Protein backbone atom coordinates (compact mmCIF):
# COMPACT_ATOMS: atom_id res chain seq x y z
CA MET A 1 -31.42 9.27 5.75
CA SER A 2 -28.25 10.65 4.14
CA CYS A 3 -26.14 7.66 5.18
CA ASP A 4 -28.30 5.04 3.45
CA ILE A 5 -26.59 3.19 0.60
CA SER A 6 -27.88 4.09 -2.85
CA GLN A 7 -26.62 1.38 -5.22
CA GLY A 8 -25.32 -2.17 -5.43
CA ARG A 9 -22.52 -3.75 -7.43
CA LEU A 10 -22.48 -6.56 -9.99
CA ARG A 11 -20.02 -9.42 -9.81
CA ALA A 12 -16.58 -8.30 -11.01
CA CYS A 13 -14.62 -10.13 -13.70
CA LYS A 14 -11.50 -12.06 -12.72
CA ASP A 15 -9.15 -9.61 -14.41
CA GLY A 16 -7.62 -7.70 -11.47
CA LEU A 17 -4.10 -7.83 -10.10
CA GLY A 18 -2.86 -7.35 -6.57
CA GLY A 19 0.05 -5.15 -5.60
CA ASN A 20 1.32 -1.69 -6.43
CA SER A 21 3.64 -0.31 -9.09
CA VAL A 22 4.43 3.30 -8.10
CA LEU A 23 4.56 5.34 -4.91
CA TYR A 24 4.46 9.13 -5.00
CA LEU A 25 5.26 11.12 -1.85
CA TYR A 26 4.85 14.83 -1.26
CA ASN A 27 5.03 17.12 1.76
CA GLY A 28 1.72 17.40 3.57
CA LEU A 29 -0.75 19.99 2.32
CA LYS A 30 -4.22 20.84 3.55
CA ASP A 31 -6.82 20.03 0.90
CA ALA A 32 -4.25 18.69 -1.58
CA PHE A 33 -7.06 17.62 -3.94
CA THR A 34 -10.65 18.53 -4.68
CA ILE A 35 -12.66 15.40 -3.84
CA THR A 36 -16.01 14.74 -5.49
CA SER A 37 -17.93 11.49 -4.91
CA GLY A 38 -14.82 9.51 -3.93
CA GLU A 39 -12.69 10.87 -6.77
CA ALA A 40 -9.81 13.38 -6.76
CA THR A 41 -10.69 15.76 -9.59
CA SER A 42 -8.15 18.58 -9.28
CA ILE A 43 -4.91 19.53 -7.48
CA ASN A 44 -4.40 22.35 -4.97
CA ALA A 45 -2.10 24.99 -6.56
CA GLY A 46 0.06 24.78 -3.40
CA LEU A 47 1.19 21.28 -4.39
CA THR A 48 4.26 22.01 -6.51
CA GLU A 49 6.63 19.05 -6.03
CA VAL A 50 6.13 15.29 -5.94
CA TYR A 51 8.71 12.49 -5.52
CA LYS A 52 8.36 9.20 -7.40
CA PHE A 53 9.43 5.77 -6.16
CA GLU A 54 9.13 2.91 -8.65
CA LEU A 55 8.08 -0.35 -6.97
CA GLU A 56 9.04 -3.89 -7.88
CA GLY A 57 8.06 -7.27 -6.55
CA ASP A 58 5.24 -8.47 -4.39
CA LEU A 59 6.08 -6.80 -1.08
CA ASN A 60 4.25 -3.51 -1.75
CA THR A 61 0.80 -3.40 -0.21
CA LEU A 62 -1.97 -0.99 0.73
CA GLU A 63 -4.66 -1.96 3.18
CA GLN A 64 -7.54 0.22 4.29
CA SER A 65 -9.72 -0.69 7.23
CA GLN A 66 -12.80 1.48 7.67
CA VAL A 67 -14.71 1.01 10.90
CA GLY A 68 -17.93 2.61 12.07
CA ASP A 69 -18.80 2.81 15.77
CA ARG A 70 -22.50 2.94 16.61
CA ASN A 71 -21.74 3.83 20.25
CA THR A 72 -19.89 7.04 19.38
CA GLY A 73 -21.46 7.72 15.98
CA THR A 74 -18.03 7.94 14.34
CA GLU A 75 -16.11 6.25 11.57
CA VAL A 76 -12.40 6.01 10.88
CA ASN A 77 -10.37 4.52 8.04
CA THR A 78 -6.88 3.30 8.88
CA GLN A 79 -4.61 3.22 5.83
CA THR A 80 -1.52 1.01 6.08
CA LEU A 81 1.05 1.20 3.32
CA THR A 82 3.99 -1.23 3.24
CA ILE A 83 6.74 -0.60 0.70
CA SER A 84 9.95 -2.51 -0.03
CA LEU A 85 12.85 -0.70 -1.73
CA LYS A 86 16.13 -2.40 -2.66
CA LYS A 87 19.66 -1.18 -1.83
CA ILE A 88 20.73 1.11 1.00
CA ASP A 89 22.48 4.39 0.18
CA ALA A 90 23.37 7.61 1.96
CA SER A 91 21.05 9.99 0.07
CA THR A 92 18.04 7.71 0.63
CA ASN A 93 18.93 7.46 4.33
CA ALA A 94 18.88 11.27 4.53
CA GLN A 95 15.52 11.51 2.75
CA PHE A 96 13.96 8.82 4.94
CA ASN A 97 15.13 10.66 8.07
CA LEU A 98 13.07 13.62 6.79
CA LEU A 99 10.16 11.35 5.84
CA VAL A 100 9.86 10.04 9.38
CA ALA A 101 10.09 13.54 10.89
CA GLY A 102 7.51 15.10 8.56
CA TYR A 103 3.81 14.74 7.72
CA PRO A 104 3.98 13.42 4.14
CA GLN A 105 1.02 12.43 2.03
CA ALA A 106 1.07 9.77 -0.66
CA VAL A 107 -0.44 8.53 -3.88
CA VAL A 108 -0.09 4.85 -4.70
CA VAL A 109 -0.71 3.43 -8.16
CA ASP A 110 -1.89 -0.17 -8.03
CA ARG A 111 -1.28 -2.75 -10.75
CA ASN A 112 -4.78 -2.13 -12.10
CA GLY A 113 -4.02 1.53 -12.81
CA ASN A 114 -5.96 2.99 -9.87
CA TRP A 115 -4.36 6.01 -8.21
CA HIS A 116 -5.16 6.00 -4.46
CA CYS A 117 -4.78 9.35 -2.63
CA LEU A 118 -3.64 8.60 0.93
CA ALA A 119 -3.27 10.42 4.24
CA LEU A 120 -5.22 13.47 3.12
CA ASP A 121 -6.37 14.50 6.61
CA ASP A 122 -3.22 14.61 8.75
CA GLY A 123 -0.40 13.05 6.76
CA MET A 124 1.16 9.65 7.22
CA ASP A 125 3.44 8.42 10.00
CA PHE A 126 6.26 6.25 8.66
CA THR A 127 8.46 3.60 10.19
CA VAL A 128 11.60 2.88 8.16
CA VAL A 129 13.51 -0.37 8.63
CA SER A 130 16.92 -0.50 6.93
CA SER A 131 18.22 -4.03 6.68
CA THR A 132 21.37 -5.54 5.17
CA GLY A 133 20.02 -9.09 5.39
CA GLY A 134 22.11 -12.09 6.47
CA ALA A 135 22.39 -14.48 3.55
CA LYS A 136 23.71 -13.36 0.18
CA THR A 137 20.20 -13.75 -1.26
CA ASP A 138 18.52 -11.65 1.47
CA MET A 139 17.26 -8.22 0.61
CA ASN A 140 19.54 -5.28 1.27
CA GLY A 141 17.22 -2.29 1.46
CA TYR A 142 14.34 -0.57 3.17
CA THR A 143 10.90 -1.52 4.36
CA LEU A 144 8.65 1.48 4.85
CA THR A 145 5.42 1.18 6.78
CA GLY A 146 3.16 4.20 6.67
CA VAL A 147 -0.01 4.54 8.72
CA ALA A 148 -2.66 7.24 8.41
CA THR A 149 -6.14 7.68 9.78
CA THR A 150 -8.80 9.40 7.72
CA ARG A 151 -12.54 9.45 7.63
CA ASP A 152 -13.20 7.89 4.24
CA LEU A 153 -11.67 5.29 1.97
CA ALA A 154 -8.94 6.80 -0.21
CA PRO A 155 -10.31 8.72 -3.17
CA LEU A 156 -9.17 7.58 -6.61
CA MET A 157 -7.61 10.13 -8.95
CA ASP A 158 -9.27 10.84 -12.30
CA SER A 159 -7.17 10.70 -15.49
CA ALA A 160 -6.87 14.48 -16.02
CA THR A 161 -5.63 14.91 -12.45
CA GLN A 162 -3.16 12.03 -12.94
CA THR A 163 -1.60 13.87 -15.89
CA ALA A 164 -1.36 17.13 -13.93
CA PHE A 165 0.04 15.27 -10.90
CA GLU A 166 2.78 13.53 -12.94
CA ALA A 167 3.88 16.94 -14.22
CA LEU A 168 4.85 17.81 -10.63
CA VAL A 169 7.37 14.96 -10.27
CA ALA A 170 10.76 16.39 -9.25
């Protein structure tokens, strides 16, 4: 059967880190990458501009939940991205208004150097919470929560594609 697993995995070393270091957003594009065996190996020529958001702290997470349903014979992966960005300003407000209205796609770089390509099917729906905090030590900034549904776990980008992708940063 074509859906039978074909390999196992050895125990991993204790050398990984949680969290994410960079978020890239771009306007939605059909077939943004060529995907081969769970890896993004090239970029669609229609992808010409990418926006970079540097992440700090421990409040930046990506969770993927892939579920198969034997009753319907389907599978779906829900990708949930939570990002925390400090300081509120007018130009960011304007951009986040557009983010919520559009169908953006994303690439997240985790602290282990893996580049996860997200929301490749239909884009990502974002909720933006802008908060001034209450106490002087509370965060003044944004919490973005993006949710996308796709079929498969996010493909990881190969190193040549990472270099080409970074060249598109506006």
